Amino acid sequence: MMKNNFKEVLLWLFVINLGISVGAGLYESLIVIPEYKGTPPNDWIETGLSFWVYVSTIPLTLLTIANGVAGWKSKGRRRKWLLTTVGIVALERIFTFSYFIPTMAGMKGGGLPQGEIDAVLDQWTYLNHFRHLLSITAWLLAMRVMTIQK
């Protein structure tokens, strides 16, 4: 019984954290990032270390791993849905750690000309649509997992 309650708590935390990440990611894409174009990176709002590290970089990554383990060990009807959800978030996390974080950090730390910064920012913004699609899909699937009887 205690194991099932722990898995439920992990799933709830996963859904809540995914929801916050989706909402904040969409807000950042629609409101914050457009303000960066034509602006030197030193003038950008520092969202990475002041927000994202505490919302998704650490917690979402740990919750993805924990729910992956819980899903792998489960045998119920939720298993395939949860593992699919975790796989989608894992893919999003891989993209985030391999492209999005290093690219943004590189623009903030380098002395690139403004035209090159804007071009990289355009590409980052374009690819971010795919990341949003993954996150929204995973969030909806995670909520679906919650509706399935154990």
Protein backbone atom coordinates (compact mmCIF):
# COMPACT_ATOMS: atom_id res chain seq x y z
CA MET A 1 0.00 0.00 0.00
CA MET A 2 2.81 2.41 0.91
CA LYS A 3 4.52 1.70 -2.44
CA ASN A 4 1.36 2.62 -4.35
CA ASN A 5 0.96 5.85 -2.37
CA PHE A 6 4.57 6.79 -3.10
CA LYS A 7 4.03 6.12 -6.83
CA GLU A 8 0.88 8.29 -6.72
CA VAL A 9 2.79 11.13 -5.08
CA LEU A 10 5.55 10.83 -7.69
CA LEU A 11 2.96 10.94 -10.47
CA TRP A 12 1.19 13.97 -8.97
CA LEU A 13 4.51 15.81 -8.59
CA PHE A 14 5.40 14.89 -12.17
CA VAL A 15 2.08 16.25 -13.51
CA ILE A 16 2.33 19.45 -11.45
CA ASN A 17 5.95 20.08 -12.41
CA LEU A 18 5.26 19.37 -16.08
CA GLY A 19 2.33 21.80 -15.97
CA ILE A 20 4.47 24.53 -14.45
CA SER A 21 7.23 23.87 -17.00
CA VAL A 22 4.78 23.98 -19.91
CA GLY A 23 3.17 27.22 -18.72
CA ALA A 24 6.45 28.91 -17.93
CA GLY A 25 7.99 27.73 -21.20
CA LEU A 26 5.12 29.13 -23.23
CA TYR A 27 5.24 32.40 -21.30
CA GLU A 28 8.98 32.69 -21.86
CA SER A 29 8.59 31.96 -25.58
CA LEU A 30 5.78 34.43 -26.10
CA ILE A 31 6.82 37.26 -23.76
CA VAL A 32 10.48 37.05 -22.71
CA ILE A 33 12.45 35.66 -25.67
CA PRO A 34 11.03 38.09 -28.28
CA GLU A 35 12.48 40.93 -26.19
CA TYR A 36 15.99 39.47 -26.65
CA LYS A 37 16.13 40.11 -30.40
CA GLY A 38 18.40 43.04 -31.14
CA THR A 39 19.52 43.21 -27.51
CA PRO A 40 22.98 42.26 -26.24
CA PRO A 41 22.92 39.05 -24.14
CA ASN A 42 24.26 40.90 -21.09
CA ASP A 43 20.96 42.83 -21.00
CA TRP A 44 18.81 39.67 -21.06
CA ILE A 45 16.83 38.57 -18.02
CA GLU A 46 18.66 35.68 -16.35
CA THR A 47 15.97 33.01 -16.25
CA GLY A 48 18.25 29.97 -16.36
CA LEU A 49 19.88 30.19 -12.96
CA SER A 50 17.17 32.21 -11.27
CA PHE A 51 14.17 30.15 -12.40
CA TRP A 52 14.63 27.15 -14.71
CA VAL A 53 17.21 25.35 -12.61
CA TYR A 54 14.69 25.20 -9.73
CA VAL A 55 11.63 24.42 -11.86
CA SER A 56 12.73 21.99 -14.52
CA THR A 57 16.46 21.46 -14.83
CA ILE A 58 16.75 19.65 -11.51
CA PRO A 59 13.20 18.74 -10.37
CA LEU A 60 11.74 17.68 -13.73
CA THR A 61 14.81 15.63 -14.53
CA LEU A 62 14.69 13.86 -11.14
CA LEU A 63 10.92 13.33 -11.37
CA THR A 64 11.33 11.89 -14.87
CA ILE A 65 13.90 9.39 -13.61
CA ALA A 66 11.82 8.52 -10.52
CA ASN A 67 8.63 8.02 -12.57
CA GLY A 68 10.59 5.98 -15.09
CA VAL A 69 11.74 3.63 -12.34
CA ALA A 70 8.23 3.50 -10.84
CA GLY A 71 6.72 2.82 -14.27
CA TRP A 72 9.29 0.16 -15.07
CA LYS A 73 8.56 -1.66 -11.81
CA SER A 74 4.77 -1.42 -12.16
CA LYS A 75 2.67 -4.09 -13.77
CA GLY A 76 -0.71 -2.37 -13.99
CA ARG A 77 -2.64 -0.76 -16.81
CA ARG A 78 -0.80 2.53 -16.31
CA ARG A 79 2.62 1.07 -17.13
CA LYS A 80 2.77 1.64 -20.92
CA TRP A 81 1.19 5.10 -20.64
CA LEU A 82 3.61 6.17 -17.92
CA LEU A 83 6.65 4.78 -19.72
CA THR A 84 5.58 6.53 -22.93
CA THR A 85 5.19 9.79 -21.01
CA VAL A 86 8.58 9.38 -19.35
CA GLY A 87 10.16 8.61 -22.73
CA ILE A 88 8.79 11.82 -24.22
CA VAL A 89 10.00 13.90 -21.27
CA ALA A 90 13.39 12.13 -21.43
CA LEU A 91 13.65 13.12 -25.09
CA GLU A 92 12.76 16.71 -24.17
CA ARG A 93 15.37 16.65 -21.39
CA ILE A 94 18.03 15.36 -23.82
CA PHE A 95 17.25 18.20 -26.25
CA THR A 96 17.32 20.69 -23.39
CA PHE A 97 20.69 19.56 -22.03
CA SER A 98 22.35 19.00 -25.41
CA TYR A 99 21.14 22.07 -27.31
CA PHE A 100 18.97 24.62 -25.49
CA ILE A 101 21.01 25.17 -22.32
CA PRO A 102 24.45 25.20 -24.03
CA THR A 103 23.22 27.46 -26.83
CA MET A 104 21.74 30.04 -24.49
CA ALA A 105 24.80 29.88 -22.21
CA GLY A 106 27.10 30.26 -25.24
CA MET A 107 25.28 33.36 -26.43
CA LYS A 108 25.45 34.92 -22.98
CA GLY A 109 29.12 34.14 -22.51
CA GLY A 110 30.51 34.86 -25.97
CA GLY A 111 31.31 38.05 -27.77
CA LEU A 112 29.30 37.23 -30.86
CA PRO A 113 28.14 40.03 -33.18
CA GLN A 114 24.48 41.01 -32.73
CA GLY A 115 23.49 39.67 -36.16
CA GLU A 116 24.85 36.23 -35.30
CA ILE A 117 23.17 36.32 -31.89
CA ASP A 118 19.83 37.14 -33.53
CA ALA A 119 20.29 34.30 -36.06
CA VAL A 120 21.05 31.78 -33.31
CA LEU A 121 18.11 33.12 -31.30
CA ASP A 122 15.81 32.63 -34.32
CA GLN A 123 16.98 29.02 -34.68
CA TRP A 124 16.64 28.45 -30.90
CA THR A 125 13.09 29.87 -31.03
CA TYR A 126 12.15 27.71 -34.01
CA LEU A 127 13.45 24.51 -32.39
CA ASN A 128 11.76 25.47 -29.12
CA HIS A 129 8.37 24.89 -30.81
CA PHE A 130 9.25 21.20 -31.08
CA ARG A 131 10.29 21.15 -27.43
CA HIS A 132 6.95 22.74 -26.46
CA LEU A 133 5.12 20.09 -28.47
CA LEU A 134 6.98 17.36 -26.58
CA SER A 135 6.29 18.98 -23.20
CA ILE A 136 2.59 19.57 -23.85
CA THR A 137 2.14 16.04 -25.18
CA ALA A 138 3.90 14.60 -22.13
CA TRP A 139 1.82 16.71 -19.76
CA LEU A 140 -1.43 15.59 -21.37
CA LEU A 141 -0.29 11.96 -21.32
CA ALA A 142 0.74 12.26 -17.66
CA MET A 143 -2.72 13.56 -16.82
CA ARG A 144 -4.16 10.64 -18.80
CA VAL A 145 -2.09 8.23 -16.67
CA MET A 146 -3.80 9.67 -13.60
CA THR A 147 -7.23 8.73 -15.00
CA ILE A 148 -6.35 5.07 -15.51
CA GLN A 149 -7.37 2.74 -12.69
CA LYS A 150 -4.39 0.99 -11.13
